[in-house]
Structures are given as C-alpha cells and as structure tokens.
Amino acid sequence: MERQSTTEVFVYGSLLRGGQYHSLMSGAEFLQEDSLSGIDLYDLGPYPMAIPGQNRLYGEGYRIPLALLSRLDALEEHPRVYERQWLRLDSGTFAWIYLGRAEQVQGCLLIPSGRWLS
C-alpha cells in the first residue's frame, strides 16, 4: 500500500480478528499485536469502551486505506460516542484509536486484563 493514501489504526474490540465487525477491515494490512498504557477497558455488553485510566489496553495495529477511516468513524459514531485520537502505542508507533469518556462507562464492568476477546 502507498503510504500517502494510508494511515494506522489500533483496534481493541469488535474490529479485532475474530470480532463481530472485523469484516469492515477489508483492505487493511495487519501490522502487529500491540498495547497502550494508561487505558482502562470496560464491558458495555455487546462491545467494549476504552477510556484514559491506569491499566494497559491490548489490541491490534493495522495500516488502512484512508477511505476506510470514514467507515470506521461511522461505526464508532465519531465524535458523538467515541473520539478518534492519534496516540503513541507501547511499540513506539502512532495510530488512531477510538476512546470513550469516563461518564460513558459509569456502572460498567472494568476488564482488568485489558483484553476484549480472551
């Protein structure tokens, strides 16, 4: 893939390999499993939500066509539900990640392992 027409994204929930919406990642190039420190993962029932916190979040990094970003924004209801942020992963690479807000996870179960599909 041409770098100018691609970007990186870090996924941790339904877009993971084996996840309900992974088929939306068609055209994406899997880069590596990765993690992000300072993030808490919560179980919202059918999907997870990550917010800034004290744990480590585990997921997968992908290089995606820029055109795919708008489809992911629609799925994640950015910026109304999830906010897409450009963050440095534990591997040192930067990627877009969809994060929620603390008020959205009140009363939800914290997933201390930081892994959605485990």
N, C-alpha and C. Protein backbone atom coordinates (compact mmCIF):
# COMPACT_ATOMS: atom_id res chain seq x y z
N MET A 1 0.83 -1.18 0.00
CA MET A 1 0.00 0.00 0.00
C MET A 1 0.88 1.24 0.00
N GLU A 2 0.38 2.25 -0.63
CA GLU A 2 1.08 3.52 -0.70
C GLU A 2 0.92 4.28 0.61
N ARG A 3 2.01 4.72 1.19
CA ARG A 3 1.96 5.39 2.50
C ARG A 3 1.08 6.65 2.49
N GLN A 4 1.15 7.45 1.42
CA GLN A 4 0.41 8.71 1.40
C GLN A 4 -1.10 8.47 1.47
N SER A 5 -1.57 7.34 1.03
CA SER A 5 -3.01 7.08 1.00
C SER A 5 -3.43 6.14 2.12
N THR A 6 -2.57 5.98 3.15
CA THR A 6 -2.90 5.09 4.25
C THR A 6 -2.65 5.78 5.59
N THR A 7 -3.14 5.16 6.63
CA THR A 7 -2.89 5.61 7.99
C THR A 7 -2.92 4.39 8.89
N GLU A 8 -2.52 4.55 10.12
CA GLU A 8 -2.52 3.43 11.07
C GLU A 8 -3.69 3.57 12.04
N VAL A 9 -4.23 2.43 12.44
CA VAL A 9 -5.31 2.39 13.41
C VAL A 9 -5.05 1.26 14.39
N PHE A 10 -5.43 1.46 15.64
CA PHE A 10 -5.30 0.45 16.69
C PHE A 10 -6.71 0.07 17.12
N VAL A 11 -7.04 -1.23 17.02
CA VAL A 11 -8.37 -1.70 17.37
C VAL A 11 -8.29 -2.63 18.57
N TYR A 12 -9.35 -2.65 19.38
CA TYR A 12 -9.31 -3.44 20.61
C TYR A 12 -10.63 -4.16 20.91
N GLY A 13 -11.63 -4.03 20.05
CA GLY A 13 -12.93 -4.61 20.33
C GLY A 13 -13.49 -5.40 19.17
N SER A 14 -14.64 -4.97 18.69
CA SER A 14 -15.35 -5.72 17.65
C SER A 14 -14.64 -5.72 16.30
N LEU A 15 -13.61 -4.89 16.12
CA LEU A 15 -12.84 -4.87 14.87
C LEU A 15 -11.63 -5.80 14.89
N LEU A 16 -11.36 -6.43 16.04
CA LEU A 16 -10.26 -7.39 16.14
C LEU A 16 -10.50 -8.60 15.25
N ARG A 17 -9.43 -9.29 14.89
CA ARG A 17 -9.59 -10.58 14.20
C ARG A 17 -10.46 -11.46 15.09
N GLY A 18 -11.51 -12.01 14.53
CA GLY A 18 -12.45 -12.80 15.31
C GLY A 18 -13.58 -11.98 15.89
N GLY A 19 -13.52 -10.67 15.74
CA GLY A 19 -14.56 -9.78 16.26
C GLY A 19 -15.73 -9.65 15.29
N GLN A 20 -16.85 -9.21 15.81
CA GLN A 20 -18.10 -9.10 15.06
C GLN A 20 -17.98 -8.25 13.80
N TYR A 21 -17.18 -7.17 13.86
CA TYR A 21 -17.09 -6.25 12.72
C TYR A 21 -15.73 -6.28 12.01
N HIS A 22 -14.96 -7.35 12.23
CA HIS A 22 -13.65 -7.42 11.59
C HIS A 22 -13.75 -7.37 10.06
N SER A 23 -14.86 -7.83 9.49
CA SER A 23 -15.02 -7.80 8.03
C SER A 23 -14.93 -6.37 7.49
N LEU A 24 -15.20 -5.37 8.32
CA LEU A 24 -15.07 -3.97 7.88
C LEU A 24 -13.60 -3.60 7.65
N MET A 25 -12.68 -4.41 8.14
CA MET A 25 -11.25 -4.14 7.98
C MET A 25 -10.72 -4.63 6.64
N SER A 26 -11.61 -4.99 5.74
CA SER A 26 -11.21 -5.43 4.41
C SER A 26 -10.34 -4.36 3.75
N GLY A 27 -9.18 -4.76 3.24
CA GLY A 27 -8.25 -3.81 2.64
C GLY A 27 -7.20 -3.32 3.63
N ALA A 28 -7.34 -3.72 4.89
CA ALA A 28 -6.38 -3.32 5.91
C ALA A 28 -5.22 -4.32 5.97
N GLU A 29 -4.05 -3.83 6.31
CA GLU A 29 -2.87 -4.68 6.47
C GLU A 29 -2.57 -4.83 7.96
N PHE A 30 -2.65 -6.07 8.46
CA PHE A 30 -2.32 -6.31 9.86
C PHE A 30 -0.85 -6.01 10.07
N LEU A 31 -0.53 -5.22 11.09
CA LEU A 31 0.86 -4.88 11.38
C LEU A 31 1.39 -5.70 12.55
N GLN A 32 0.71 -5.66 13.69
CA GLN A 32 1.18 -6.40 14.86
C GLN A 32 0.19 -6.27 16.00
N GLU A 33 0.30 -7.18 16.94
CA GLU A 33 -0.40 -7.01 18.20
C GLU A 33 0.36 -5.94 18.96
N ASP A 34 -0.36 -5.12 19.70
CA ASP A 34 0.27 -4.00 20.38
C ASP A 34 -0.51 -3.71 21.65
N SER A 35 -0.09 -2.70 22.37
CA SER A 35 -0.80 -2.31 23.59
C SER A 35 -0.63 -0.81 23.79
N LEU A 36 -1.42 -0.32 24.74
CA LEU A 36 -1.40 1.10 25.05
C LEU A 36 -1.54 1.25 26.56
N SER A 37 -0.54 1.86 27.18
CA SER A 37 -0.54 2.05 28.63
C SER A 37 -1.42 3.23 29.01
N GLY A 38 -1.94 3.19 30.24
CA GLY A 38 -2.75 4.29 30.75
C GLY A 38 -4.16 4.30 30.22
N ILE A 39 -4.68 3.11 29.90
CA ILE A 39 -6.03 3.00 29.34
C ILE A 39 -6.78 1.89 30.07
N ASP A 40 -8.02 2.18 30.48
CA ASP A 40 -8.89 1.20 31.11
C ASP A 40 -9.92 0.71 30.09
N LEU A 41 -10.23 -0.59 30.13
CA LEU A 41 -11.20 -1.19 29.22
C LEU A 41 -12.43 -1.61 30.00
N TYR A 42 -13.61 -1.25 29.48
CA TYR A 42 -14.88 -1.57 30.13
C TYR A 42 -15.77 -2.38 29.21
N ASP A 43 -16.58 -3.24 29.83
CA ASP A 43 -17.54 -4.08 29.13
C ASP A 43 -18.88 -3.37 29.10
N LEU A 44 -19.32 -2.99 27.90
CA LEU A 44 -20.61 -2.32 27.75
C LEU A 44 -21.66 -3.29 27.21
N GLY A 45 -21.41 -4.59 27.35
CA GLY A 45 -22.35 -5.60 26.86
C GLY A 45 -21.91 -6.12 25.51
N PRO A 46 -22.48 -5.59 24.43
CA PRO A 46 -22.12 -6.10 23.10
C PRO A 46 -20.76 -5.61 22.58
N TYR A 47 -20.19 -4.63 23.24
CA TYR A 47 -18.90 -4.07 22.79
C TYR A 47 -18.18 -3.45 23.98
N PRO A 48 -16.87 -3.22 23.82
CA PRO A 48 -16.11 -2.57 24.89
C PRO A 48 -15.94 -1.08 24.64
N MET A 49 -15.50 -0.40 25.68
CA MET A 49 -15.12 1.01 25.54
C MET A 49 -13.86 1.23 26.38
N ALA A 50 -12.88 1.86 25.77
CA ALA A 50 -11.64 2.19 26.46
C ALA A 50 -11.64 3.68 26.78
N ILE A 51 -11.13 4.00 27.96
CA ILE A 51 -11.01 5.40 28.39
C ILE A 51 -9.65 5.59 29.04
N PRO A 52 -9.16 6.82 29.12
CA PRO A 52 -7.91 7.04 29.84
C PRO A 52 -8.04 6.53 31.28
N GLY A 53 -6.99 5.86 31.76
CA GLY A 53 -7.03 5.28 33.09
C GLY A 53 -5.65 4.84 33.55
N GLN A 54 -5.60 3.69 34.23
CA GLN A 54 -4.34 3.25 34.83
C GLN A 54 -3.87 1.89 34.36
N ASN A 55 -4.64 1.21 33.53
CA ASN A 55 -4.28 -0.14 33.09
C ASN A 55 -3.62 -0.12 31.72
N ARG A 56 -3.50 -1.28 31.12
CA ARG A 56 -2.94 -1.43 29.77
C ARG A 56 -4.01 -2.05 28.89
N LEU A 57 -4.17 -1.51 27.70
CA LEU A 57 -5.13 -1.99 26.71
C LEU A 57 -4.38 -2.77 25.65
N TYR A 58 -4.90 -3.95 25.29
CA TYR A 58 -4.28 -4.80 24.27
C TYR A 58 -5.15 -4.83 23.03
N GLY A 59 -4.51 -4.85 21.87
CA GLY A 59 -5.25 -4.89 20.62
C GLY A 59 -4.33 -5.16 19.45
N GLU A 60 -4.78 -4.70 18.27
CA GLU A 60 -4.06 -4.96 17.03
C GLU A 60 -3.87 -3.67 16.25
N GLY A 61 -2.70 -3.53 15.65
CA GLY A 61 -2.40 -2.39 14.80
C GLY A 61 -2.57 -2.77 13.34
N TYR A 62 -3.13 -1.86 12.57
CA TYR A 62 -3.36 -2.07 11.14
C TYR A 62 -2.96 -0.83 10.37
N ARG A 63 -2.52 -1.03 9.13
CA ARG A 63 -2.37 0.05 8.16
C ARG A 63 -3.60 -0.05 7.27
N ILE A 64 -4.34 1.06 7.19
CA ILE A 64 -5.59 1.04 6.44
C ILE A 64 -5.60 2.10 5.35
N PRO A 65 -6.36 1.87 4.29
CA PRO A 65 -6.58 2.94 3.30
C PRO A 65 -7.30 4.10 3.97
N LEU A 66 -6.94 5.33 3.63
CA LEU A 66 -7.58 6.49 4.23
C LEU A 66 -9.10 6.45 4.06
N ALA A 67 -9.58 5.90 2.96
CA ALA A 67 -11.02 5.83 2.71
C ALA A 67 -11.73 4.99 3.78
N LEU A 68 -11.02 4.04 4.37
CA LEU A 68 -11.62 3.18 5.39
C LEU A 68 -11.86 3.95 6.69
N LEU A 69 -11.10 4.99 6.93
CA LEU A 69 -11.23 5.74 8.18
C LEU A 69 -12.64 6.31 8.35
N SER A 70 -13.24 6.80 7.29
CA SER A 70 -14.60 7.36 7.40
C SER A 70 -15.62 6.26 7.73
N ARG A 71 -15.41 5.03 7.23
CA ARG A 71 -16.31 3.92 7.58
C ARG A 71 -16.15 3.55 9.05
N LEU A 72 -14.91 3.57 9.54
CA LEU A 72 -14.68 3.27 10.96
C LEU A 72 -15.27 4.38 11.83
N ASP A 73 -15.13 5.64 11.39
CA ASP A 73 -15.74 6.75 12.13
C ASP A 73 -17.25 6.56 12.24
N ALA A 74 -17.88 6.09 11.17
CA ALA A 74 -19.33 5.87 11.19
C ALA A 74 -19.68 4.74 12.16
N LEU A 75 -18.94 3.64 12.12
CA LEU A 75 -19.19 2.51 13.03
C LEU A 75 -19.05 2.96 14.48
N GLU A 76 -18.01 3.71 14.77
CA GLU A 76 -17.71 4.13 16.14
C GLU A 76 -18.47 5.40 16.55
N GLU A 77 -19.29 5.92 15.62
CA GLU A 77 -20.08 7.13 15.86
C GLU A 77 -19.21 8.28 16.36
N HIS A 78 -18.07 8.45 15.68
CA HIS A 78 -17.13 9.53 15.99
C HIS A 78 -17.68 10.84 15.45
N PRO A 79 -17.71 11.89 16.20
CA PRO A 79 -17.16 12.09 17.54
C PRO A 79 -18.23 12.01 18.65
N ARG A 80 -19.45 11.64 18.31
CA ARG A 80 -20.54 11.66 19.30
C ARG A 80 -20.36 10.63 20.40
N VAL A 81 -20.02 9.36 20.04
CA VAL A 81 -19.87 8.30 21.04
C VAL A 81 -18.40 8.08 21.37
N TYR A 82 -17.61 7.76 20.36
CA TYR A 82 -16.17 7.57 20.54
C TYR A 82 -15.44 8.76 19.92
N GLU A 83 -14.31 9.12 20.51
CA GLU A 83 -13.47 10.17 19.95
C GLU A 83 -12.21 9.53 19.39
N ARG A 84 -11.93 9.80 18.12
CA ARG A 84 -10.72 9.24 17.49
C ARG A 84 -9.53 10.11 17.88
N GLN A 85 -8.49 9.45 18.46
CA GLN A 85 -7.29 10.16 18.91
C GLN A 85 -6.04 9.52 18.31
N TRP A 86 -5.04 10.34 18.04
CA TRP A 86 -3.76 9.90 17.48
C TRP A 86 -2.80 9.74 18.66
N LEU A 87 -2.50 8.48 19.03
CA LEU A 87 -1.70 8.22 20.22
C LEU A 87 -0.50 7.33 19.92
N ARG A 88 0.50 7.41 20.78
CA ARG A 88 1.71 6.57 20.66
C ARG A 88 1.47 5.27 21.42
N LEU A 89 1.56 4.16 20.70
CA LEU A 89 1.37 2.84 21.29
C LEU A 89 2.64 2.42 22.02
N ASP A 90 2.54 1.36 22.81
CA ASP A 90 3.70 0.89 23.58
C ASP A 90 4.87 0.48 22.68
N SER A 91 4.58 0.09 21.43
CA SER A 91 5.64 -0.29 20.49
C SER A 91 6.42 0.92 19.98
N GLY A 92 5.88 2.12 20.21
CA GLY A 92 6.53 3.34 19.72
C GLY A 92 5.86 3.89 18.48
N THR A 93 5.00 3.11 17.83
CA THR A 93 4.31 3.59 16.64
C THR A 93 3.09 4.42 17.05
N PHE A 94 2.66 5.27 16.17
CA PHE A 94 1.46 6.08 16.39
C PHE A 94 0.31 5.51 15.59
N ALA A 95 -0.89 5.62 16.14
CA ALA A 95 -2.07 5.12 15.44
C ALA A 95 -3.31 5.83 15.96
N TRP A 96 -4.34 5.83 15.13
CA TRP A 96 -5.65 6.30 15.57
C TRP A 96 -6.26 5.25 16.48
N ILE A 97 -6.94 5.69 17.54
CA ILE A 97 -7.66 4.80 18.45
C ILE A 97 -8.95 5.51 18.85
N TYR A 98 -9.99 4.73 19.01
CA TYR A 98 -11.29 5.27 19.40
C TYR A 98 -11.48 5.11 20.90
N LEU A 99 -11.59 6.23 21.61
CA LEU A 99 -11.75 6.23 23.06
C LEU A 99 -13.07 6.88 23.46
N GLY A 100 -13.60 6.39 24.57
CA GLY A 100 -14.80 6.98 25.14
C GLY A 100 -14.44 7.94 26.27
N ARG A 101 -15.47 8.32 27.03
CA ARG A 101 -15.29 9.24 28.14
C ARG A 101 -15.74 8.56 29.44
N ALA A 102 -15.18 8.99 30.54
CA ALA A 102 -15.44 8.36 31.84
C ALA A 102 -16.92 8.27 32.16
N GLU A 103 -17.68 9.31 31.85
CA GLU A 103 -19.11 9.28 32.18
C GLU A 103 -19.88 8.20 31.41
N GLN A 104 -19.33 7.75 30.29
CA GLN A 104 -19.99 6.73 29.48
C GLN A 104 -19.85 5.32 30.07
N VAL A 105 -18.90 5.11 30.96
CA VAL A 105 -18.66 3.76 31.50
C VAL A 105 -19.07 3.63 32.96
N GLN A 106 -19.71 4.65 33.51
CA GLN A 106 -20.15 4.57 34.90
C GLN A 106 -21.11 3.40 35.06
N GLY A 107 -20.83 2.55 36.06
CA GLY A 107 -21.67 1.39 36.31
C GLY A 107 -21.34 0.19 35.46
N CYS A 108 -20.36 0.31 34.54
CA CYS A 108 -19.96 -0.80 33.67
C CYS A 108 -18.80 -1.57 34.31
N LEU A 109 -18.64 -2.79 33.90
CA LEU A 109 -17.62 -3.67 34.45
C LEU A 109 -16.25 -3.38 33.84
N LEU A 110 -15.26 -3.10 34.69
CA LEU A 110 -13.88 -2.93 34.24
C LEU A 110 -13.33 -4.30 33.85
N ILE A 111 -12.60 -4.35 32.74
CA ILE A 111 -11.92 -5.57 32.29
C ILE A 111 -10.44 -5.38 32.63
N PRO A 112 -10.00 -5.87 33.80
CA PRO A 112 -8.63 -5.58 34.26
C PRO A 112 -7.54 -6.14 33.35
N SER A 113 -7.84 -7.21 32.59
CA SER A 113 -6.83 -7.78 31.69
C SER A 113 -6.54 -6.89 30.50
N GLY A 114 -7.46 -5.96 30.20
CA GLY A 114 -7.29 -5.09 29.05
C GLY A 114 -7.49 -5.78 27.72
N ARG A 115 -8.08 -6.99 27.74
CA ARG A 115 -8.29 -7.78 26.52
C ARG A 115 -9.77 -8.06 26.35
N TRP A 116 -10.32 -7.68 25.21
CA TRP A 116 -11.73 -7.88 24.94
C TRP A 116 -12.04 -9.32 24.56
N LEU A 117 -11.31 -9.89 23.64
CA LEU A 117 -11.58 -11.26 23.17
C LEU A 117 -10.61 -12.23 23.82
N SER A 118 -10.85 -12.58 25.07
CA SER A 118 -9.95 -13.54 25.73
C SER A 118 -10.74 -14.55 26.53
